[in-house]
Amino acid sequence: MATVNKQAVAAAFGRAASGYTQHDELQRRCADLLLRQLARRDFAQVLDAGCGPGSMSRYWREAGSVVTALDLSAGMLAQAQRNDAAPALSAGGY
């Protein structure tokens, strides 16, 4: 199994962070399809691993969940913070 250079991945997404939400239509469509598959949407806590700019974190926070948002990219987390995605944001390898 090939290893992933997490630092390189984080750097690449960090460079894309400021304009990412303008080009994430595929992710939004996938998220909408996944949400339709859920039997319920009232979760006390949600972990958004790989939160990016925080679109789904914000969705869950506005739905009443306590959200913890994680991402490898500090740039993406900064964007998530600007988007008021979640009170708990964390960077690092997972």
C-alpha atoms as a PDB file:
ATOM      1  CA  MET A   1       0.000   0.000   0.000  1.00  0.00           C
ATOM      2  CA  ALA A   2       1.392   3.378  -0.999  1.00  0.00           C
ATOM      3  CA  THR A   3       1.960   5.962   1.687  1.00  0.00           C
ATOM      4  CA  VAL A   4       0.335   9.364   1.449  1.00  0.00           C
ATOM      5  CA  ASN A   5       2.367  12.520   1.913  1.00  0.00           C
ATOM      6  CA  LYS A   6      -0.052  14.290   4.246  1.00  0.00           C
ATOM      7  CA  GLN A   7       2.039  17.453   4.333  1.00  0.00           C
ATOM      8  CA  ALA A   8       1.881  17.739   0.543  1.00  0.00           C
ATOM      9  CA  VAL A   9      -1.869  17.100   0.560  1.00  0.00           C
ATOM     10  CA  ALA A  10      -2.379  19.720   3.280  1.00  0.00           C
ATOM     11  CA  ALA A  11      -0.240  22.232   1.382  1.00  0.00           C
ATOM     12  CA  ALA A  12      -2.155  21.674  -1.865  1.00  0.00           C
ATOM     13  CA  PHE A  13      -5.530  22.137  -0.195  1.00  0.00           C
ATOM     14  CA  GLY A  14      -4.171  25.118   1.711  1.00  0.00           C
ATOM     15  CA  ARG A  15      -3.297  26.796  -1.579  1.00  0.00           C
ATOM     16  CA  ALA A  16      -6.812  26.129  -2.873  1.00  0.00           C
ATOM     17  CA  ALA A  17      -8.646  27.115   0.322  1.00  0.00           C
ATOM     18  CA  SER A  18      -9.636  30.688  -0.474  1.00  0.00           C
ATOM     19  CA  GLY A  19     -11.506  29.791  -3.672  1.00  0.00           C
ATOM     20  CA  TYR A  20     -12.487  26.217  -2.878  1.00  0.00           C
ATOM     21  CA  THR A  21     -16.187  26.849  -2.212  1.00  0.00           C
ATOM     22  CA  GLN A  22     -16.555  28.348  -5.684  1.00  0.00           C
ATOM     23  CA  HIS A  23     -15.575  25.014  -7.232  1.00  0.00           C
ATOM     24  CA  ASP A  24     -16.940  22.325  -4.900  1.00  0.00           C
ATOM     25  CA  GLU A  25     -20.211  21.616  -6.703  1.00  0.00           C
ATOM     26  CA  LEU A  26     -19.465  17.876  -6.890  1.00  0.00           C
ATOM     27  CA  GLN A  27     -18.902  17.674  -3.126  1.00  0.00           C
ATOM     28  CA  ARG A  28     -22.145  19.545  -2.462  1.00  0.00           C
ATOM     29  CA  ARG A  29     -24.112  17.242  -4.760  1.00  0.00           C
ATOM     30  CA  CYS A  30     -22.597  14.162  -3.106  1.00  0.00           C
ATOM     31  CA  ALA A  31     -23.403  15.559   0.334  1.00  0.00           C
ATOM     32  CA  ASP A  32     -27.005  16.213  -0.693  1.00  0.00           C
ATOM     33  CA  LEU A  33     -27.353  12.634  -1.954  1.00  0.00           C
ATOM     34  CA  LEU A  34     -25.860  11.238   1.254  1.00  0.00           C
ATOM     35  CA  LEU A  35     -28.129  13.373   3.427  1.00  0.00           C
ATOM     36  CA  ARG A  36     -31.164  12.007   1.602  1.00  0.00           C
ATOM     37  CA  GLN A  37     -30.086   8.493   2.610  1.00  0.00           C
ATOM     38  CA  LEU A  38     -30.126   9.266   6.336  1.00  0.00           C
ATOM     39  CA  ALA A  39     -33.116   7.992   8.259  1.00  0.00           C
ATOM     40  CA  ARG A  40     -32.699  10.878  10.694  1.00  0.00           C
ATOM     41  CA  ARG A  41     -30.741  14.101  10.932  1.00  0.00           C
ATOM     42  CA  ASP A  42     -30.849  14.920  14.623  1.00  0.00           C
ATOM     43  CA  PHE A  43     -27.448  13.968  15.988  1.00  0.00           C
ATOM     44  CA  ALA A  44     -26.165  15.411  19.263  1.00  0.00           C
ATOM     45  CA  GLN A  45     -22.553  15.362  18.052  1.00  0.00           C
ATOM     46  CA  VAL A  46     -20.985  15.294  14.595  1.00  0.00           C
ATOM     47  CA  LEU A  47     -17.340  14.796  13.629  1.00  0.00           C
ATOM     48  CA  ASP A  48     -16.544  16.311  10.236  1.00  0.00           C
ATOM     49  CA  ALA A  49     -13.185  14.765   9.289  1.00  0.00           C
ATOM     50  CA  GLY A  50     -11.783  16.492   6.230  1.00  0.00           C
ATOM     51  CA  CYS A  51     -14.125  19.440   6.718  1.00  0.00           C
ATOM     52  CA  GLY A  52     -12.521  21.666   4.079  1.00  0.00           C
ATOM     53  CA  PRO A  53     -14.109  25.120   4.132  1.00  0.00           C
ATOM     54  CA  GLY A  54     -16.784  23.851   6.513  1.00  0.00           C
ATOM     55  CA  SER A  55     -19.952  23.656   4.433  1.00  0.00           C
ATOM     56  CA  MET A  56     -21.157  20.440   6.055  1.00  0.00           C
ATOM     57  CA  SER A  57     -19.920  21.475   9.497  1.00  0.00           C
ATOM     58  CA  ARG A  58     -22.061  24.570   9.252  1.00  0.00           C
ATOM     59  CA  TYR A  59     -25.041  22.534   8.016  1.00  0.00           C
ATOM     60  CA  TRP A  60     -24.854  20.252  11.064  1.00  0.00           C
ATOM     61  CA  ARG A  61     -24.228  23.133  13.486  1.00  0.00           C
ATOM     62  CA  GLU A  62     -27.300  24.953  12.158  1.00  0.00           C
ATOM     63  CA  ALA A  63     -29.275  21.690  12.536  1.00  0.00           C
ATOM     64  CA  GLY A  64     -28.443  21.729  16.266  1.00  0.00           C
ATOM     65  CA  SER A  65     -25.487  19.348  16.449  1.00  0.00           C
ATOM     66  CA  VAL A  66     -22.284  20.021  18.372  1.00  0.00           C
ATOM     67  CA  VAL A  67     -19.683  19.854  15.598  1.00  0.00           C
ATOM     68  CA  THR A  68     -15.978  19.118  15.729  1.00  0.00           C
ATOM     69  CA  ALA A  69     -14.322  19.936  12.410  1.00  0.00           C
ATOM     70  CA  LEU A  70     -10.958  18.421  11.425  1.00  0.00           C
ATOM     71  CA  ASP A  71      -8.770  19.011   8.409  1.00  0.00           C
ATOM     72  CA  LEU A  72      -5.137  18.416   7.451  1.00  0.00           C
ATOM     73  CA  SER A  73      -4.932  21.902   5.966  1.00  0.00           C
ATOM     74  CA  ALA A  74      -4.602  24.926   8.230  1.00  0.00           C
ATOM     75  CA  GLY A  75      -5.739  27.025   5.260  1.00  0.00           C
ATOM     76  CA  MET A  76      -8.972  25.066   4.945  1.00  0.00           C
ATOM     77  CA  LEU A  77      -9.573  25.373   8.687  1.00  0.00           C
ATOM     78  CA  ALA A  78      -9.032  29.126   8.478  1.00  0.00           C
ATOM     79  CA  GLN A  79     -11.646  29.235   5.719  1.00  0.00           C
ATOM     80  CA  ALA A  80     -13.996  27.089   7.835  1.00  0.00           C
ATOM     81  CA  GLN A  81     -13.538  29.528  10.704  1.00  0.00           C
ATOM     82  CA  ARG A  82     -14.341  32.480   8.417  1.00  0.00           C
ATOM     83  CA  ASN A  83     -17.447  30.564   7.295  1.00  0.00           C
ATOM     84  CA  ASP A  84     -18.511  30.142  10.946  1.00  0.00           C
ATOM     85  CA  ALA A  85     -18.505  26.379  10.428  1.00  0.00           C
ATOM     86  CA  ALA A  86     -17.957  25.045  13.939  1.00  0.00           C
ATOM     87  CA  PRO A  87     -16.741  26.181  17.347  1.00  0.00           C
ATOM     88  CA  ALA A  88     -14.197  23.331  17.545  1.00  0.00           C
ATOM     89  CA  LEU A  89     -11.670  23.274  14.697  1.00  0.00           C
ATOM     90  CA  SER A  90      -8.568  21.092  14.704  1.00  0.00           C
ATOM     91  CA  ALA A  91      -5.674  20.612  12.288  1.00  0.00           C
ATOM     92  CA  GLY A  92      -3.429  17.619  12.077  1.00  0.00           C
ATOM     93  CA  GLY A  93      -2.857  14.162  10.761  1.00  0.00           C
ATOM     94  CA  TYR A  94      -5.474  11.529  11.274  1.00  0.00           C
END
